[in-house]
Amino acid sequence: MKPPSRVPAPRRGRSGDAPPAPAASSPSRQPAKPRSSSGSPATPRSSSSSPPTSSSTSHDDGSLRLSKRMSELGIASRREADEWIARGWVRVDGRVVAELGSRVLPSQHITIDARARNAQAQLVTVLLNKPVGYVSGQAEDGYQPARVLVTPDRQWREDSSGIRFLPQHLRSLVPAGRLDIDSVGLLVLTQDGRVARQLIGDDSTIEKEYLVRVATRSGAPLPAEAMALLRHGLELDGEALLPATVEWVNDDQLRFVLQEGKKRQIRRMCDAVGLQVLGLKRVRIGAVMLGALPSGQWRYLRLDERFVAVPAR
């Protein structure tokens, strides 16, 4: 089997891309706990560790897979990029590249055919107000995925996107993030890999805002020290949580703003400080609000809406 080709370009003395990190195992549903102030410092990885497999071997010239580079640049998801490459819709420095696995240098110029842009323009993103009793991903334990609610009769009458529902909009429509079965509010489903990467990619810092109805187990007011821990100082599964905005909205409701989304994070954070969660609703992701969208209904993301707000000029 011949190795993947690299699009010709001047060689550069840069290190290659690192092998991918192993997939994380599913976290157990243990409550969060205060972070230890005397935790052991991180230790450097041993230089005698096993070498990467041939599929992830670094290249001394600094090249990386074309599909990966396209994903990094926000041009397309990796799967989408591979489809375009196979169709001959991708050019590197003006030359058509149609071989999967081809490699490029970061300095090379990538352009896509108008047909690829047209195909991408047809992809839709759906905003759903998920009710209790639906899982955000695949069906499990007899519960249906929230995706089954995306039907013509459940489209919000006040949807101002101007997009008409088509059966093809359900093809490859997947959740970009999770929302627990017993939580409600804004859930994003998308066909667009760029949107998914923006919301749940490893480098995503997009805020998610929640309204959480709580009660202390003791019946006494929440101590100031506990509130301080909710804002910063807890860890989940041995990993420190990022700082969060947490404030009282009224006597029994907290507002959380997070920049990460670990499994059942808010519930486990509350459990760690003696709070019982009575209700949890996500009301915002980035610059996109749930607004008046009724429970169990959905609408399309408008062309003028962005999860990351564009600064005014």
Protein backbone atom coordinates (compact mmCIF):
# COMPACT_ATOMS: atom_id res chain seq x y z
CA MET A 1 0.00 0.00 0.00
CA LYS A 2 1.57 3.26 -1.07
CA PRO A 3 1.75 6.10 1.46
CA PRO A 4 -0.58 9.11 1.04
CA SER A 5 0.76 11.74 -1.29
CA ARG A 6 1.65 15.26 -0.31
CA VAL A 7 0.77 18.22 -2.47
CA PRO A 8 4.11 19.56 -3.76
CA ALA A 9 5.40 22.63 -1.96
CA PRO A 10 8.74 23.95 -0.69
CA ARG A 11 9.98 21.95 2.28
CA ARG A 12 10.15 23.59 5.67
CA GLY A 13 11.95 22.52 8.81
CA ARG A 14 8.91 22.39 11.10
CA SER A 15 7.73 19.60 13.35
CA GLY A 16 4.77 17.54 12.27
CA ASP A 17 1.36 17.35 13.79
CA ALA A 18 1.17 15.32 16.98
CA PRO A 19 -0.64 11.98 17.15
CA PRO A 20 -4.25 12.26 18.31
CA ALA A 21 -4.99 11.87 22.00
CA PRO A 22 -6.80 8.69 23.06
CA ALA A 23 -10.56 8.97 23.51
CA ALA A 24 -11.61 9.76 27.05
CA SER A 25 -13.60 7.16 28.89
CA SER A 26 -17.11 8.02 30.07
CA PRO A 27 -16.97 9.77 33.44
CA SER A 28 -18.70 8.16 36.38
CA ARG A 29 -21.53 10.17 37.89
CA GLN A 30 -19.67 11.09 41.07
CA PRO A 31 -20.36 14.52 42.55
CA ALA A 32 -17.83 17.27 42.08
CA LYS A 33 -15.43 17.82 44.95
CA PRO A 34 -13.29 20.71 46.15
CA ARG A 35 -9.96 20.88 44.39
CA SER A 36 -7.02 19.99 46.60
CA SER A 37 -4.58 22.86 47.14
CA SER A 38 -1.77 20.36 47.61
CA GLY A 39 -2.33 18.36 44.47
CA SER A 40 0.67 16.73 42.87
CA PRO A 41 2.26 18.68 40.01
CA ALA A 42 1.87 17.29 36.51
CA THR A 43 4.65 14.94 35.55
CA PRO A 44 6.24 15.01 32.08
CA ARG A 45 5.37 12.16 29.75
CA SER A 46 8.12 9.53 29.58
CA SER A 47 10.32 9.70 26.49
CA SER A 48 10.27 5.90 26.41
CA SER A 49 6.55 5.67 25.67
CA SER A 50 5.41 3.61 22.71
CA PRO A 51 5.85 5.28 19.31
CA PRO A 52 2.72 6.42 17.44
CA THR A 53 1.19 4.18 14.83
CA SER A 54 1.98 4.74 11.20
CA SER A 55 -1.38 6.41 10.62
CA SER A 56 -0.48 9.18 13.07
CA THR A 57 3.27 9.45 12.56
CA SER A 58 4.57 13.02 12.59
CA HIS A 59 6.09 14.41 9.40
CA ASP A 60 9.36 16.28 9.68
CA ASP A 61 8.34 18.74 6.96
CA GLY A 62 5.40 20.03 9.03
CA SER A 63 2.74 18.73 6.62
CA LEU A 64 -0.66 17.52 7.77
CA ARG A 65 -3.66 15.88 6.17
CA LEU A 66 -5.55 18.17 3.84
CA SER A 67 -8.90 17.36 5.48
CA LYS A 68 -7.49 18.18 8.92
CA ARG A 69 -6.09 21.48 7.67
CA MET A 70 -9.45 22.37 6.13
CA SER A 71 -11.14 21.65 9.47
CA GLU A 72 -8.61 23.79 11.33
CA LEU A 73 -9.28 26.68 8.96
CA GLY A 74 -13.04 26.34 9.45
CA ILE A 75 -13.60 25.55 5.78
CA ALA A 76 -15.37 22.25 6.42
CA SER A 77 -15.59 19.32 8.80
CA ARG A 78 -13.10 16.51 8.15
CA ARG A 79 -15.80 14.22 6.76
CA GLU A 80 -17.14 16.99 4.55
CA ALA A 81 -13.61 17.80 3.37
CA ASP A 82 -12.95 14.17 2.43
CA GLU A 83 -16.16 14.12 0.39
CA TRP A 84 -15.14 17.26 -1.48
CA ILE A 85 -11.63 15.96 -2.10
CA ALA A 86 -13.02 12.75 -3.57
CA ARG A 87 -15.27 14.81 -5.86
CA GLY A 88 -12.37 16.99 -7.04
CA TRP A 89 -13.80 20.11 -5.45
CA VAL A 90 -10.63 21.12 -3.57
CA ARG A 91 -7.60 22.96 -4.95
CA VAL A 92 -4.25 23.53 -3.27
CA ASP A 93 -2.17 26.35 -4.73
CA GLY A 94 -4.45 26.24 -7.78
CA ARG A 95 -4.11 22.48 -8.41
CA VAL A 96 -7.03 20.03 -7.98
CA VAL A 97 -6.33 17.47 -5.24
CA ALA A 98 -8.55 14.39 -5.51
CA GLU A 99 -6.58 11.82 -3.51
CA LEU A 100 -7.76 11.12 0.05
CA GLY A 101 -4.97 11.33 2.59
CA SER A 102 -3.05 14.00 0.67
CA ARG A 103 -0.94 16.24 2.87
CA VAL A 104 -0.29 19.97 2.74
CA LEU A 105 1.86 22.53 4.47
CA PRO A 106 0.24 25.27 6.59
CA SER A 107 1.59 27.88 4.17
CA GLN A 108 -0.25 26.45 1.15
CA HIS A 109 -3.42 28.09 -0.14
CA ILE A 110 -6.64 26.03 -0.17
CA THR A 111 -9.69 26.93 -2.24
CA ILE A 112 -12.94 25.08 -2.86
CA ASP A 113 -15.17 24.77 -5.90
CA ALA A 114 -18.44 26.71 -6.10
CA ARG A 115 -20.26 23.38 -6.01
CA ALA A 116 -18.83 22.73 -2.55
CA ARG A 117 -19.94 26.15 -1.33
CA ASN A 118 -23.41 25.51 -2.71
CA ALA A 119 -23.61 22.12 -0.98
CA GLN A 120 -22.49 23.71 2.29
CA ALA A 121 -25.09 26.46 1.98
CA GLN A 122 -27.84 23.81 1.96
CA LEU A 123 -26.86 22.52 5.42
CA VAL A 124 -29.18 23.52 8.25
CA THR A 125 -28.92 24.03 11.99
CA VAL A 126 -31.96 23.52 14.20
CA LEU A 127 -32.67 25.09 17.60
CA LEU A 128 -34.94 22.92 19.76
CA ASN A 129 -36.52 23.62 23.13
CA LYS A 130 -36.04 20.14 24.54
CA PRO A 131 -38.61 18.97 27.09
CA VAL A 132 -38.00 16.49 29.91
CA GLY A 133 -37.97 12.83 28.89
CA TYR A 134 -35.87 13.01 25.71
CA VAL A 135 -32.17 12.22 25.39
CA SER A 136 -29.98 14.52 23.35
CA GLY A 137 -28.15 11.75 21.47
CA GLN A 138 -29.02 8.19 20.52
CA ALA A 139 -32.07 6.44 22.01
CA GLU A 140 -31.27 4.77 25.32
CA ASP A 141 -33.14 2.94 28.08
CA GLY A 142 -36.40 3.25 26.15
CA TYR A 143 -36.17 7.04 25.82
CA GLN A 144 -36.38 8.67 22.40
CA PRO A 145 -33.76 11.06 21.02
CA ALA A 146 -34.76 14.72 20.88
CA ARG A 147 -34.26 14.58 17.11
CA VAL A 148 -37.69 12.88 16.72
CA LEU A 149 -39.29 16.21 17.66
CA VAL A 150 -37.97 17.83 14.47
CA THR A 151 -41.11 17.36 12.39
CA PRO A 152 -43.02 19.84 10.19
CA ASP A 153 -45.92 20.10 12.65
CA ARG A 154 -43.60 21.07 15.50
CA GLN A 155 -41.83 23.88 13.64
CA TRP A 156 -42.46 27.14 15.51
CA ARG A 157 -45.01 29.32 13.75
CA GLU A 158 -42.86 32.37 14.45
CA ASP A 159 -39.75 30.89 12.81
CA SER A 160 -38.40 33.88 10.86
CA SER A 161 -35.55 32.05 9.09
CA GLY A 162 -37.42 31.83 5.79
CA ILE A 163 -36.27 28.20 5.44
CA ARG A 164 -38.90 25.69 4.35
CA PHE A 165 -38.74 22.26 5.94
CA LEU A 166 -37.45 19.52 3.66
CA PRO A 167 -37.04 15.81 4.55
CA GLN A 168 -33.36 16.06 3.56
CA HIS A 169 -32.83 18.39 6.52
CA LEU A 170 -33.10 15.35 8.79
CA ARG A 171 -30.21 13.60 7.06
CA SER A 172 -27.09 13.59 9.27
CA LEU A 173 -28.78 15.99 11.72
CA VAL A 174 -26.88 15.45 14.98
CA PRO A 175 -26.74 17.18 18.39
CA ALA A 176 -23.92 19.66 18.95
CA GLY A 177 -23.70 19.16 22.69
CA ARG A 178 -25.68 17.35 25.34
CA LEU A 179 -28.62 18.16 27.57
CA ASP A 180 -29.60 15.65 30.25
CA ILE A 181 -32.84 13.71 29.97
CA ASP A 182 -34.25 15.53 33.01
CA SER A 183 -33.12 18.98 31.81
CA VAL A 184 -34.91 21.30 29.41
CA GLY A 185 -34.12 24.17 27.11
CA LEU A 186 -31.91 25.01 24.16
CA LEU A 187 -30.47 22.07 22.23
CA VAL A 188 -28.65 22.55 18.93
CA LEU A 189 -28.85 19.96 16.17
CA THR A 190 -26.88 20.53 12.99
CA GLN A 191 -25.81 19.08 9.66
CA ASP A 192 -22.88 21.50 9.56
CA GLY A 193 -19.60 20.16 10.93
CA ARG A 194 -18.28 23.70 11.30
CA VAL A 195 -21.07 24.50 13.77
CA ALA A 196 -20.46 21.28 15.71
CA ARG A 197 -16.73 22.01 15.99
CA GLN A 198 -17.44 25.56 17.10
CA LEU A 199 -19.73 24.40 19.90
CA ILE A 200 -18.15 21.16 21.11
CA GLY A 201 -14.63 21.12 19.68
CA ASP A 202 -11.74 20.62 22.09
CA ASP A 203 -10.84 24.31 21.80
CA SER A 204 -14.40 25.64 22.19
CA THR A 205 -14.89 28.40 24.78
CA ILE A 206 -18.47 29.32 23.87
CA GLU A 207 -20.57 30.17 26.92
CA LYS A 208 -23.65 28.19 27.89
CA GLU A 209 -26.14 29.82 30.25
CA TYR A 210 -28.54 27.93 32.54
CA LEU A 211 -31.28 28.77 35.04
CA VAL A 212 -31.22 26.24 37.88
CA ARG A 213 -33.89 25.88 40.57
CA VAL A 214 -32.31 24.56 43.77
CA ALA A 215 -32.89 23.83 47.45
CA THR A 216 -30.36 23.20 50.22
CA ARG A 217 -30.58 19.76 51.77
CA SER A 218 -30.31 21.28 55.23
CA GLY A 219 -32.97 23.90 54.63
CA ALA A 220 -30.51 26.59 55.71
CA PRO A 221 -29.23 29.34 53.37
CA LEU A 222 -26.30 28.41 51.15
CA PRO A 223 -23.04 29.49 52.85
CA ALA A 224 -20.86 32.05 51.10
CA GLU A 225 -18.03 29.49 51.03
CA ALA A 226 -20.21 27.09 49.04
CA MET A 227 -21.09 29.79 46.51
CA ALA A 228 -17.39 30.58 46.13
CA LEU A 229 -16.69 26.92 45.39
CA LEU A 230 -19.38 26.84 42.71
CA ARG A 231 -17.66 29.76 41.02
CA HIS A 232 -14.20 28.22 41.18
CA GLY A 233 -12.50 25.49 43.17
CA LEU A 234 -14.37 22.28 42.34
CA GLU A 235 -13.10 19.35 40.33
CA LEU A 236 -14.84 16.50 38.50
CA ASP A 237 -13.21 13.10 38.08
CA GLY A 238 -9.88 14.51 39.23
CA GLU A 239 -9.93 17.41 36.77
CA ALA A 240 -10.24 21.03 37.91
CA LEU A 241 -13.24 22.89 36.52
CA LEU A 242 -12.89 26.20 34.76
CA PRO A 243 -14.10 29.33 36.56
CA ALA A 244 -17.87 29.83 36.21
CA THR A 245 -20.31 32.67 36.71
CA VAL A 246 -22.84 31.68 39.39
CA GLU A 247 -25.31 34.12 40.97
CA TRP A 248 -28.71 34.16 42.58
CA VAL A 249 -31.64 35.19 40.38
CA ASN A 250 -34.19 34.87 43.18
CA ASP A 251 -34.57 32.94 46.44
CA ASP A 252 -34.53 29.49 44.85
CA GLN A 253 -32.95 29.98 41.41
CA LEU A 254 -29.31 30.26 40.36
CA ARG A 255 -27.87 31.46 37.07
CA PHE A 256 -24.88 29.47 35.80
CA VAL A 257 -22.65 30.49 32.88
CA LEU A 258 -20.14 27.80 31.88
CA GLN A 259 -17.47 27.52 29.20
CA GLU A 260 -17.33 23.73 29.34
CA GLY A 261 -19.90 20.96 29.29
CA LYS A 262 -18.97 17.88 31.28
CA LYS A 263 -21.59 15.19 31.84
CA ARG A 264 -24.19 16.32 34.39
CA GLN A 265 -21.74 19.03 35.43
CA ILE A 266 -24.12 21.47 37.10
CA ARG A 267 -25.98 18.74 39.00
CA ARG A 268 -22.71 17.30 40.29
CA MET A 269 -21.39 20.75 41.23
CA CYS A 270 -24.56 21.47 43.20
CA ASP A 271 -24.44 18.08 44.89
CA ALA A 272 -20.88 18.82 46.06
CA VAL A 273 -22.03 21.89 48.03
CA GLY A 274 -25.22 20.41 49.46
CA LEU A 275 -27.71 21.68 46.89
CA GLN A 276 -30.49 19.63 45.33
CA VAL A 277 -31.37 20.52 41.74
CA LEU A 278 -35.13 20.78 41.26
CA GLY A 279 -35.06 22.02 37.68
CA LEU A 280 -32.49 22.96 35.05
CA LYS A 281 -33.04 24.96 31.86
CA ARG A 282 -30.47 26.06 29.27
CA VAL A 283 -31.41 29.50 27.94
CA ARG A 284 -28.39 30.56 25.87
CA ILE A 285 -25.49 29.16 23.83
CA GLY A 286 -23.03 31.86 22.85
CA ALA A 287 -24.97 34.72 21.29
CA VAL A 288 -28.04 32.57 20.49
CA MET A 289 -30.93 32.75 22.96
CA LEU A 290 -33.73 30.26 23.60
CA GLY A 291 -36.11 33.22 23.75
CA ALA A 292 -39.81 32.54 23.42
CA LEU A 293 -39.42 29.21 21.58
CA PRO A 294 -42.10 26.93 23.13
CA SER A 295 -41.21 23.64 24.77
CA GLY A 296 -41.15 20.73 22.31
CA GLN A 297 -40.94 23.04 19.28
CA TRP A 298 -38.03 24.04 17.06
CA ARG A 299 -36.87 26.62 14.57
CA TYR A 300 -34.01 27.03 12.09
CA LEU A 301 -30.93 29.08 12.89
CA ARG A 302 -31.26 32.24 10.81
CA LEU A 303 -28.55 33.25 8.34
CA ASP A 304 -27.89 36.41 10.38
CA GLU A 305 -27.44 34.49 13.67
CA ARG A 306 -24.04 33.45 14.97
CA PHE A 307 -23.08 31.58 18.11
CA VAL A 308 -19.99 33.78 18.30
CA ALA A 309 -21.00 37.43 18.11
CA VAL A 310 -19.25 39.36 15.34
CA PRO A 311 -17.70 42.56 16.77
CA ALA A 312 -19.23 45.76 15.43
CA ARG A 313 -16.93 47.78 13.19
